[in-house]
Amino acid sequence: MTDTELLGFYVKQRKSGPFFYLDYSTLAGKRTLSIGNFPTITAEQARNLVKQYLGRIASGEDVRQTIEEEKTRIKEARLLTVKSYLENIYQTTLNRQKSGIHTRQALEKHLRSWMDKEINKIDARDVHKWQIEMENKELSFERIKGVFNMFKTMLNNAVKNGYIESHKLNGIKLEKPKLSQEEIDSSNTRNYLTKNQISQFFKALDKYQEIKRLERRSSRQHGRAYLPDLDALEFVDHVKPWLLFMYYSGFRPGDIFGLQWEHLNFHNNSVILPFIKQSINRSFVSVLSTYP
């Protein structure tokens, strides 16, 4: 199947699944470049790569030759271990990311047992052993999951850039830890705010509004006088009344997303939840009466 917009870009069915290719011409003749296989790389990702390649080809570069030379150099230098790919190749990608340095530090710290393994040989058994190792070091499941996803992103990067054809972690998921009885009991227990927490909650709401008013004053003094003055308003935006609404009613955000003004009755301090047609008396309605 040939792409109707990108000249030379097409997909071909192979035993292992759909494969993306690019045919292009050089002074030496016609060339065919293998882009990658689905679902390791999506059609949209393949199209974006092809656009990059076509730009390089237009400037006179033989992209396939460049890629083949790079692959040869990597194989000769034995750069396809986890450590070597991270340090010598993936680092370029990480340098473009704000969190790149933290990603590398996390991978180096928590994947030490994998560093000398070939990057495309890590399999489900390795993942299972590694998760046990991390749990024994008392890492939280969320942290373990985060590092694992970072590693899979690196593997996908290696596939996308042609360093490996595929990897063995597609579809592999970590095992969720079993909750202890104490954790189960804790999750089933309703915890109420302490007096100190309630006090901090109201102070935080006032502090939030103070910050917003200060920011608005600064904006108005520095060339944006057309912005409304927030000092004259009781509520600078929706945040404080929204949180007060939830505090006094016990409603969750999902309970109030669909509410309209007509669902509130200020005469008898009640609200009607439209999705269950139930009238609930609440004293919080008076709090909203001054909302603009």
C-alpha atoms as a PDB file:
ATOM      1  CA  MET A   1       0.000   0.000   0.000  1.00  0.00           C
ATOM      2  CA  THR A   2       1.517   3.306  -1.137  1.00  0.00           C
ATOM      3  CA  ASP A   3       1.107   6.623   0.653  1.00  0.00           C
ATOM      4  CA  THR A   4      -0.800   9.179  -1.426  1.00  0.00           C
ATOM      5  CA  GLU A   5       1.131  12.198  -0.117  1.00  0.00           C
ATOM      6  CA  LEU A   6       4.722  11.119   0.569  1.00  0.00           C
ATOM      7  CA  LEU A   7       6.398   9.936  -2.612  1.00  0.00           C
ATOM      8  CA  GLY A   8       8.081   6.554  -2.194  1.00  0.00           C
ATOM      9  CA  PHE A   9       6.578   5.777   1.219  1.00  0.00           C
ATOM     10  CA  TYR A  10       4.662   2.503   1.450  1.00  0.00           C
ATOM     11  CA  VAL A  11       3.778  -0.410   3.726  1.00  0.00           C
ATOM     12  CA  LYS A  12       4.354  -4.069   2.855  1.00  0.00           C
ATOM     13  CA  GLN A  13       3.007  -7.160   4.610  1.00  0.00           C
ATOM     14  CA  ARG A  14       5.672  -9.568   5.864  1.00  0.00           C
ATOM     15  CA  LYS A  15       5.461 -12.714   7.968  1.00  0.00           C
ATOM     16  CA  SER A  16       6.219 -10.696  11.087  1.00  0.00           C
ATOM     17  CA  GLY A  17       3.541  -8.113  10.207  1.00  0.00           C
ATOM     18  CA  PRO A  18       3.246  -4.798   8.308  1.00  0.00           C
ATOM     19  CA  PHE A  19       6.576  -3.132   7.519  1.00  0.00           C
ATOM     20  CA  PHE A  20       7.165   0.475   6.421  1.00  0.00           C
ATOM     21  CA  TYR A  21       9.584   1.320   3.578  1.00  0.00           C
ATOM     22  CA  LEU A  22      10.822   4.332   1.648  1.00  0.00           C
ATOM     23  CA  ASP A  23      12.035   4.164  -1.955  1.00  0.00           C
ATOM     24  CA  TYR A  24      14.167   7.081  -3.141  1.00  0.00           C
ATOM     25  CA  SER A  25      16.740   7.886  -5.803  1.00  0.00           C
ATOM     26  CA  THR A  26      20.396   8.867  -5.527  1.00  0.00           C
ATOM     27  CA  LEU A  27      23.119   9.501  -8.085  1.00  0.00           C
ATOM     28  CA  ALA A  28      24.112   5.861  -7.588  1.00  0.00           C
ATOM     29  CA  GLY A  29      20.600   4.624  -8.366  1.00  0.00           C
ATOM     30  CA  LYS A  30      17.406   3.605  -6.595  1.00  0.00           C
ATOM     31  CA  ARG A  31      17.518   2.853  -2.880  1.00  0.00           C
ATOM     32  CA  THR A  32      15.049   1.240  -0.462  1.00  0.00           C
ATOM     33  CA  LEU A  33      15.096   2.202   3.204  1.00  0.00           C
ATOM     34  CA  SER A  34      13.427   0.078   5.888  1.00  0.00           C
ATOM     35  CA  ILE A  35      11.607   2.366   8.340  1.00  0.00           C
ATOM     36  CA  GLY A  36      10.268  -0.148  10.883  1.00  0.00           C
ATOM     37  CA  ASN A  37       7.472  -2.561  11.636  1.00  0.00           C
ATOM     38  CA  PHE A  38       3.981  -2.058  13.071  1.00  0.00           C
ATOM     39  CA  PRO A  39       3.083  -1.872  15.984  1.00  0.00           C
ATOM     40  CA  THR A  40       6.611  -1.101  17.184  1.00  0.00           C
ATOM     41  CA  ILE A  41       6.275   2.082  15.159  1.00  0.00           C
ATOM     42  CA  THR A  42       2.917   3.581  14.191  1.00  0.00           C
ATOM     43  CA  ALA A  43       1.983   4.832  10.729  1.00  0.00           C
ATOM     44  CA  GLU A  44       2.100   8.442  11.962  1.00  0.00           C
ATOM     45  CA  GLN A  45       5.564   7.950  13.493  1.00  0.00           C
ATOM     46  CA  ALA A  46       6.745   6.331  10.266  1.00  0.00           C
ATOM     47  CA  ARG A  47       5.387   9.263   8.233  1.00  0.00           C
ATOM     48  CA  ASN A  48       7.214  11.752  10.456  1.00  0.00           C
ATOM     49  CA  LEU A  49      10.466   9.831  10.026  1.00  0.00           C
ATOM     50  CA  VAL A  50       9.990   9.711   6.274  1.00  0.00           C
ATOM     51  CA  LYS A  51       9.487  13.479   6.179  1.00  0.00           C
ATOM     52  CA  GLN A  52      12.798  13.902   8.014  1.00  0.00           C
ATOM     53  CA  TYR A  53      14.537  11.465   5.694  1.00  0.00           C
ATOM     54  CA  LEU A  54      13.156  13.145   2.564  1.00  0.00           C
ATOM     55  CA  GLY A  55      14.534  16.451   3.779  1.00  0.00           C
ATOM     56  CA  ARG A  56      17.976  14.923   4.237  1.00  0.00           C
ATOM     57  CA  ILE A  57      17.748  13.167   0.876  1.00  0.00           C
ATOM     58  CA  ALA A  58      16.834  16.470  -0.804  1.00  0.00           C
ATOM     59  CA  SER A  59      20.052  17.956   0.590  1.00  0.00           C
ATOM     60  CA  GLY A  60      22.065  15.207  -1.142  1.00  0.00           C
ATOM     61  CA  GLU A  61      22.470  12.698   1.688  1.00  0.00           C
ATOM     62  CA  ASP A  62      22.087   8.973   1.062  1.00  0.00           C
ATOM     63  CA  VAL A  63      20.113   8.231   4.227  1.00  0.00           C
ATOM     64  CA  ARG A  64      20.267   4.461   3.910  1.00  0.00           C
ATOM     65  CA  GLN A  65      24.039   4.530   3.554  1.00  0.00           C
ATOM     66  CA  THR A  66      24.312   6.801   6.588  1.00  0.00           C
ATOM     67  CA  ILE A  67      22.150   4.486   8.671  1.00  0.00           C
ATOM     68  CA  GLU A  68      24.010   1.357   7.498  1.00  0.00           C
ATOM     69  CA  GLU A  69      27.355   2.934   8.337  1.00  0.00           C
ATOM     70  CA  GLU A  70      26.078   3.885  11.778  1.00  0.00           C
ATOM     71  CA  LYS A  71      24.784   0.365  12.392  1.00  0.00           C
ATOM     72  CA  THR A  72      28.120  -1.106  11.350  1.00  0.00           C
ATOM     73  CA  ARG A  73      30.007   1.270  13.610  1.00  0.00           C
ATOM     74  CA  ILE A  74      27.762   0.359  16.535  1.00  0.00           C
ATOM     75  CA  LYS A  75      28.120  -3.386  15.998  1.00  0.00           C
ATOM     76  CA  GLU A  76      31.882  -3.166  15.635  1.00  0.00           C
ATOM     77  CA  ALA A  77      32.182  -1.081  18.772  1.00  0.00           C
ATOM     78  CA  ARG A  78      29.726  -3.348  20.645  1.00  0.00           C
ATOM     79  CA  LEU A  79      27.492  -0.437  21.518  1.00  0.00           C
ATOM     80  CA  LEU A  80      24.237  -2.353  21.765  1.00  0.00           C
ATOM     81  CA  THR A  81      24.331  -3.081  25.476  1.00  0.00           C
ATOM     82  CA  VAL A  82      21.900  -1.170  27.649  1.00  0.00           C
ATOM     83  CA  LYS A  83      24.757   0.910  29.041  1.00  0.00           C
ATOM     84  CA  SER A  84      26.335   1.743  25.704  1.00  0.00           C
ATOM     85  CA  TYR A  85      23.063   2.660  24.038  1.00  0.00           C
ATOM     86  CA  LEU A  86      22.110   4.881  26.967  1.00  0.00           C
ATOM     87  CA  GLU A  87      25.483   6.630  27.104  1.00  0.00           C
ATOM     88  CA  ASN A  88      26.409   6.899  23.423  1.00  0.00           C
ATOM     89  CA  ILE A  89      23.116   7.154  21.551  1.00  0.00           C
ATOM     90  CA  TYR A  90      20.059   7.754  23.725  1.00  0.00           C
ATOM     91  CA  GLN A  91      21.808  10.583  25.552  1.00  0.00           C
ATOM     92  CA  THR A  92      21.263  12.763  22.459  1.00  0.00           C
ATOM     93  CA  THR A  93      17.512  12.285  22.804  1.00  0.00           C
ATOM     94  CA  LEU A  94      17.609  12.915  26.561  1.00  0.00           C
ATOM     95  CA  ASN A  95      19.491  16.172  25.999  1.00  0.00           C
ATOM     96  CA  ARG A  96      16.398  17.502  24.187  1.00  0.00           C
ATOM     97  CA  GLN A  97      14.140  16.798  27.166  1.00  0.00           C
ATOM     98  CA  LYS A  98      13.711  18.901  30.300  1.00  0.00           C
ATOM     99  CA  SER A  99      13.652  15.773  32.440  1.00  0.00           C
ATOM    100  CA  GLY A 100      16.420  14.050  30.458  1.00  0.00           C
ATOM    101  CA  ILE A 101      19.041  14.206  33.197  1.00  0.00           C
ATOM    102  CA  HIS A 102      16.624  12.729  35.740  1.00  0.00           C
ATOM    103  CA  THR A 103      15.684   9.946  33.321  1.00  0.00           C
ATOM    104  CA  ARG A 104      19.306   8.953  32.823  1.00  0.00           C
ATOM    105  CA  GLN A 105      20.018   9.057  36.558  1.00  0.00           C
ATOM    106  CA  ALA A 106      16.999   6.845  37.266  1.00  0.00           C
ATOM    107  CA  LEU A 107      17.968   4.307  34.605  1.00  0.00           C
ATOM    108  CA  GLU A 108      21.580   4.168  35.758  1.00  0.00           C
ATOM    109  CA  LYS A 109      20.609   3.831  39.416  1.00  0.00           C
ATOM    110  CA  HIS A 110      17.866   1.220  39.136  1.00  0.00           C
ATOM    111  CA  LEU A 111      18.921  -0.818  36.075  1.00  0.00           C
ATOM    112  CA  ARG A 112      22.467  -1.656  37.116  1.00  0.00           C
ATOM    113  CA  SER A 113      21.861  -5.380  36.685  1.00  0.00           C
ATOM    114  CA  TRP A 114      20.888  -4.828  33.041  1.00  0.00           C
ATOM    115  CA  MET A 115      23.656  -2.475  31.956  1.00  0.00           C
ATOM    116  CA  ASP A 116      25.853  -5.167  30.361  1.00  0.00           C
ATOM    117  CA  LYS A 117      22.972  -7.026  28.701  1.00  0.00           C
ATOM    118  CA  GLU A 118      22.238  -6.651  24.991  1.00  0.00           C
ATOM    119  CA  ILE A 119      19.508  -4.080  24.630  1.00  0.00           C
ATOM    120  CA  ASN A 120      17.196  -6.279  22.557  1.00  0.00           C
ATOM    121  CA  LYS A 121      17.639  -9.385  24.747  1.00  0.00           C
ATOM    122  CA  ILE A 122      15.829  -8.126  27.865  1.00  0.00           C
ATOM    123  CA  ASP A 123      12.715 -10.290  28.230  1.00  0.00           C
ATOM    124  CA  ALA A 124       9.787 -10.987  30.581  1.00  0.00           C
ATOM    125  CA  ARG A 125      11.923 -13.157  32.856  1.00  0.00           C
ATOM    126  CA  ASP A 126      14.437 -10.340  33.308  1.00  0.00           C
ATOM    127  CA  VAL A 127      11.605  -7.945  34.127  1.00  0.00           C
ATOM    128  CA  HIS A 128      10.129 -10.309  36.727  1.00  0.00           C
ATOM    129  CA  LYS A 129      13.486 -10.775  38.488  1.00  0.00           C
ATOM    130  CA  TRP A 130      14.176  -7.042  38.332  1.00  0.00           C
ATOM    131  CA  GLN A 131      10.808  -6.150  39.879  1.00  0.00           C
ATOM    132  CA  ILE A 132      11.480  -8.509  42.795  1.00  0.00           C
ATOM    133  CA  GLU A 133      14.912  -6.913  43.215  1.00  0.00           C
ATOM    134  CA  MET A 134      13.397  -3.419  43.321  1.00  0.00           C
ATOM    135  CA  GLU A 135      10.663  -4.473  45.762  1.00  0.00           C
ATOM    136  CA  ASN A 136      13.321  -5.947  48.051  1.00  0.00           C
ATOM    137  CA  LYS A 137      14.948  -2.517  48.021  1.00  0.00           C
ATOM    138  CA  GLU A 138      11.554  -1.149  49.152  1.00  0.00           C
ATOM    139  CA  LEU A 139      10.908   0.974  46.075  1.00  0.00           C
ATOM    140  CA  SER A 140       7.263   1.889  45.663  1.00  0.00           C
ATOM    141  CA  PHE A 141       5.310   0.248  42.877  1.00  0.00           C
ATOM    142  CA  GLU A 142       4.763   3.638  41.216  1.00  0.00           C
ATOM    143  CA  ARG A 143       8.506   4.302  41.177  1.00  0.00           C
ATOM    144  CA  ILE A 144       9.265   0.846  39.774  1.00  0.00           C
ATOM    145  CA  LYS A 145       6.612   1.330  37.121  1.00  0.00           C
ATOM    146  CA  GLY A 146       8.030   4.746  36.242  1.00  0.00           C
ATOM    147  CA  VAL A 147      11.553   3.403  35.695  1.00  0.00           C
ATOM    148  CA  PHE A 148      10.220   0.456  33.694  1.00  0.00           C
ATOM    149  CA  ASN A 149       8.299   2.807  31.389  1.00  0.00           C
ATOM    150  CA  MET A 150      11.433   4.935  30.958  1.00  0.00           C
ATOM    151  CA  PHE A 151      13.319   1.834  29.842  1.00  0.00           C
ATOM    152  CA  LYS A 152      10.602   0.790  27.383  1.00  0.00           C
ATOM    153  CA  THR A 153      10.669   4.301  25.936  1.00  0.00           C
ATOM    154  CA  MET A 154      14.411   3.883  25.369  1.00  0.00           C
ATOM    155  CA  LEU A 155      13.837   0.523  23.659  1.00  0.00           C
ATOM    156  CA  ASN A 156      11.223   2.062  21.372  1.00  0.00           C
ATOM    157  CA  ASN A 157      13.714   4.796  20.556  1.00  0.00           C
ATOM    158  CA  ALA A 158      16.260   2.158  19.542  1.00  0.00           C
ATOM    159  CA  VAL A 159      13.693   0.516  17.260  1.00  0.00           C
ATOM    160  CA  LYS A 160      12.520   3.803  15.769  1.00  0.00           C
ATOM    161  CA  ASN A 161      16.075   4.826  14.888  1.00  0.00           C
ATOM    162  CA  GLY A 162      16.942   1.473  13.363  1.00  0.00           C
ATOM    163  CA  TYR A 163      19.444   0.209  15.938  1.00  0.00           C
ATOM    164  CA  ILE A 164      17.366  -2.888  16.659  1.00  0.00           C
ATOM    165  CA  GLU A 165      14.483  -4.364  14.671  1.00  0.00           C
ATOM    166  CA  SER A 166      12.314  -5.067  17.711  1.00  0.00           C
ATOM    167  CA  HIS A 167      12.391  -5.747  21.431  1.00  0.00           C
ATOM    168  CA  LYS A 168      10.757  -8.306  23.733  1.00  0.00           C
ATOM    169  CA  LEU A 169       8.857  -6.059  26.120  1.00  0.00           C
ATOM    170  CA  ASN A 170       5.812  -5.209  23.992  1.00  0.00           C
ATOM    171  CA  GLY A 171       2.782  -6.147  26.056  1.00  0.00           C
ATOM    172  CA  ILE A 172       4.837  -6.935  29.170  1.00  0.00           C
ATOM    173  CA  LYS A 173       3.371  -5.434  32.345  1.00  0.00           C
ATOM    174  CA  LEU A 174       4.594  -5.357  35.914  1.00  0.00           C
ATOM    175  CA  GLU A 175       2.780  -7.384  38.552  1.00  0.00           C
ATOM    176  CA  LYS A 176       0.791  -5.184  40.909  1.00  0.00           C
ATOM    177  CA  PRO A 177       1.750  -5.753  44.548  1.00  0.00           C
ATOM    178  CA  LYS A 178      -0.770  -7.396  46.848  1.00  0.00           C
ATOM    179  CA  LEU A 179      -2.132  -5.013  49.466  1.00  0.00           C
ATOM    180  CA  SER A 180      -1.526  -5.915  53.095  1.00  0.00           C
ATOM    181  CA  GLN A 181      -4.527  -6.280  55.411  1.00  0.00           C
ATOM    182  CA  GLU A 182      -3.507  -3.034  57.078  1.00  0.00           C
ATOM    183  CA  GLU A 183      -3.547  -1.220  53.725  1.00  0.00           C
ATOM    184  CA  ILE A 184      -6.929  -2.746  52.846  1.00  0.00           C
ATOM    185  CA  ASP A 185      -8.375  -1.673  56.189  1.00  0.00           C
ATOM    186  CA  SER A 186      -6.904   1.785  55.753  1.00  0.00           C
ATOM    187  CA  SER A 187      -8.385   2.192  52.254  1.00  0.00           C
ATOM    188  CA  ASN A 188     -11.831   1.233  53.593  1.00  0.00           C
ATOM    189  CA  THR A 189     -11.669   3.712  56.457  1.00  0.00           C
ATOM    190  CA  ARG A 190     -13.051   7.224  56.022  1.00  0.00           C
ATOM    191  CA  ASN A 191     -10.563   9.773  57.340  1.00  0.00           C
ATOM    192  CA  TYR A 192     -11.822  13.191  58.400  1.00  0.00           C
ATOM    193  CA  LEU A 193      -9.844  16.418  58.329  1.00  0.00           C
ATOM    194  CA  THR A 194      -8.342  17.514  61.611  1.00  0.00           C
ATOM    195  CA  LYS A 195      -8.957  21.009  62.975  1.00  0.00           C
ATOM    196  CA  ASN A 196      -5.459  21.993  61.921  1.00  0.00           C
ATOM    197  CA  GLN A 197      -6.004  20.659  58.382  1.00  0.00           C
ATOM    198  CA  ILE A 198      -9.279  22.568  58.111  1.00  0.00           C
ATOM    199  CA  SER A 199      -7.537  25.733  59.250  1.00  0.00           C
ATOM    200  CA  GLN A 200      -4.749  25.221  56.718  1.00  0.00           C
ATOM    201  CA  PHE A 201      -7.319  24.579  53.993  1.00  0.00           C
ATOM    202  CA  PHE A 202      -9.023  27.957  54.503  1.00  0.00           C
ATOM    203  CA  LYS A 203      -5.684  29.739  54.845  1.00  0.00           C
ATOM    204  CA  ALA A 204      -4.539  28.163  51.568  1.00  0.00           C
ATOM    205  CA  LEU A 205      -7.678  29.379  49.786  1.00  0.00           C
ATOM    206  CA  ASP A 206      -7.081  32.944  50.989  1.00  0.00           C
ATOM    207  CA  LYS A 207      -3.380  32.707  50.115  1.00  0.00           C
ATOM    208  CA  TYR A 208      -4.249  31.513  46.611  1.00  0.00           C
ATOM    209  CA  GLN A 209      -6.516  34.523  46.075  1.00  0.00           C
ATOM    210  CA  GLU A 210      -3.885  36.868  47.494  1.00  0.00           C
ATOM    211  CA  ILE A 211      -1.297  35.549  45.035  1.00  0.00           C
ATOM    212  CA  LYS A 212      -3.714  35.888  42.094  1.00  0.00           C
ATOM    213  CA  ARG A 213      -4.514  39.496  43.062  1.00  0.00           C
ATOM    214  CA  LEU A 214      -0.802  40.302  43.404  1.00  0.00           C
ATOM    215  CA  GLU A 215      -0.074  38.785  39.978  1.00  0.00           C
ATOM    216  CA  ARG A 216      -2.934  40.769  38.428  1.00  0.00           C
ATOM    217  CA  ARG A 217      -1.743  44.047  39.981  1.00  0.00           C
ATOM    218  CA  SER A 218       1.716  43.407  38.583  1.00  0.00           C
ATOM    219  CA  SER A 219       0.307  42.662  35.118  1.00  0.00           C
ATOM    220  CA  ARG A 220      -1.793  45.836  35.126  1.00  0.00           C
ATOM    221  CA  GLN A 221       1.248  47.909  36.133  1.00  0.00           C
ATOM    222  CA  HIS A 222       3.378  46.450  33.342  1.00  0.00           C
ATOM    223  CA  GLY A 223       1.444  47.185  30.197  1.00  0.00           C
ATOM    224  CA  ARG A 224      -1.699  45.101  30.662  1.00  0.00           C
ATOM    225  CA  ALA A 225      -4.011  47.677  32.236  1.00  0.00           C
ATOM    226  CA  TYR A 226      -6.908  46.303  30.159  1.00  0.00           C
ATOM    227  CA  LEU A 227      -7.122  43.261  32.441  1.00  0.00           C
ATOM    228  CA  PRO A 228      -9.936  43.394  35.054  1.00  0.00           C
ATOM    229  CA  ASP A 229      -8.994  44.533  38.565  1.00  0.00           C
ATOM    230  CA  LEU A 230      -9.289  41.518  40.899  1.00  0.00           C
ATOM    231  CA  ASP A 231      -8.999  43.517  44.142  1.00  0.00           C
ATOM    232  CA  ALA A 232     -12.667  44.487  43.962  1.00  0.00           C
ATOM    233  CA  LEU A 233     -13.877  40.904  43.567  1.00  0.00           C
ATOM    234  CA  GLU A 234     -14.630  38.518  46.402  1.00  0.00           C
ATOM    235  CA  PHE A 235     -13.554  35.559  44.262  1.00  0.00           C
ATOM    236  CA  VAL A 236     -10.687  36.031  41.804  1.00  0.00           C
ATOM    237  CA  ASP A 237     -11.757  32.965  39.797  1.00  0.00           C
ATOM    238  CA  HIS A 238     -13.702  29.714  40.190  1.00  0.00           C
ATOM    239  CA  VAL A 239     -11.197  27.932  42.452  1.00  0.00           C
ATOM    240  CA  LYS A 240     -12.295  29.138  45.906  1.00  0.00           C
ATOM    241  CA  PRO A 241     -16.078  28.786  45.396  1.00  0.00           C
ATOM    242  CA  TRP A 242     -15.519  25.435  43.693  1.00  0.00           C
ATOM    243  CA  LEU A 243     -13.535  24.072  46.644  1.00  0.00           C
ATOM    244  CA  LEU A 244     -15.900  25.591  49.181  1.00  0.00           C
ATOM    245  CA  PHE A 245     -18.780  23.940  47.339  1.00  0.00           C
ATOM    246  CA  MET A 246     -17.098  20.552  47.704  1.00  0.00           C
ATOM    247  CA  TYR A 247     -16.064  21.211  51.308  1.00  0.00           C
ATOM    248  CA  TYR A 248     -19.535  22.139  52.571  1.00  0.00           C
ATOM    249  CA  SER A 249     -21.460  19.625  50.457  1.00  0.00           C
ATOM    250  CA  GLY A 250     -19.179  16.597  50.426  1.00  0.00           C
ATOM    251  CA  PHE A 251     -19.671  16.400  46.651  1.00  0.00           C
ATOM    252  CA  ARG A 252     -16.927  15.045  44.433  1.00  0.00           C
ATOM    253  CA  PRO A 253     -15.821  17.028  41.353  1.00  0.00           C
ATOM    254  CA  GLY A 254     -17.768  14.637  39.148  1.00  0.00           C
ATOM    255  CA  ASP A 255     -20.941  15.391  41.132  1.00  0.00           C
ATOM    256  CA  ILE A 256     -20.835  19.083  40.327  1.00  0.00           C
ATOM    257  CA  PHE A 257     -19.409  19.207  36.791  1.00  0.00           C
ATOM    258  CA  GLY A 258     -22.893  18.984  35.326  1.00  0.00           C
ATOM    259  CA  LEU A 259     -24.608  21.406  37.703  1.00  0.00           C
ATOM    260  CA  GLN A 260     -26.258  24.560  36.343  1.00  0.00           C
ATOM    261  CA  TRP A 261     -27.482  27.606  38.278  1.00  0.00           C
ATOM    262  CA  GLU A 262     -31.071  26.355  37.965  1.00  0.00           C
ATOM    263  CA  HIS A 263     -30.135  23.287  40.035  1.00  0.00           C
ATOM    264  CA  LEU A 264     -29.427  25.539  43.036  1.00  0.00           C
ATOM    265  CA  ASN A 265     -32.321  26.810  45.170  1.00  0.00           C
ATOM    266  CA  PHE A 266     -31.279  29.792  47.275  1.00  0.00           C
ATOM    267  CA  HIS A 267     -34.685  30.050  48.982  1.00  0.00           C
ATOM    268  CA  ASN A 268     -34.461  26.760  50.854  1.00  0.00           C
ATOM    269  CA  ASN A 269     -30.709  26.148  50.633  1.00  0.00           C
ATOM    270  CA  SER A 270     -30.920  23.023  48.498  1.00  0.00           C
ATOM    271  CA  VAL A 271     -29.434  21.578  45.341  1.00  0.00           C
ATOM    272  CA  ILE A 272     -30.902  19.063  42.931  1.00  0.00           C
ATOM    273  CA  LEU A 273     -28.452  16.622  41.384  1.00  0.00           C
ATOM    274  CA  PRO A 274     -29.814  16.359  37.836  1.00  0.00           C
ATOM    275  CA  PHE A 275     -28.429  12.888  37.197  1.00  0.00           C
ATOM    276  CA  ILE A 276     -30.299  11.311  40.124  1.00  0.00           C
ATOM    277  CA  LYS A 277     -33.140  13.880  40.495  1.00  0.00           C
ATOM    278  CA  GLN A 278     -32.537  14.026  44.235  1.00  0.00           C
ATOM    279  CA  SER A 279     -32.953  17.187  46.291  1.00  0.00           C
ATOM    280  CA  ILE A 280     -30.286  17.609  48.956  1.00  0.00           C
ATOM    281  CA  ASN A 281     -30.428  20.300  51.630  1.00  0.00           C
ATOM    282  CA  ARG A 282     -27.126  22.048  52.113  1.00  0.00           C
ATOM    283  CA  SER A 283     -26.207  25.192  54.018  1.00  0.00           C
ATOM    284  CA  PHE A 284     -23.349  25.821  51.589  1.00  0.00           C
ATOM    285  CA  VAL A 285     -25.634  27.476  49.031  1.00  0.00           C
ATOM    286  CA  SER A 286     -25.398  30.767  50.896  1.00  0.00           C
ATOM    287  CA  VAL A 287     -21.634  30.708  50.340  1.00  0.00           C
ATOM    288  CA  LEU A 288     -22.231  30.941  46.589  1.00  0.00           C
ATOM    289  CA  SER A 289     -24.809  33.698  46.691  1.00  0.00           C
ATOM    290  CA  THR A 290     -22.190  36.407  46.196  1.00  0.00           C
ATOM    291  CA  TYR A 291     -20.421  34.686  43.327  1.00  0.00           C
ATOM    292  CA  PRO A 292     -20.439  37.024  40.285  1.00  0.00           C
END
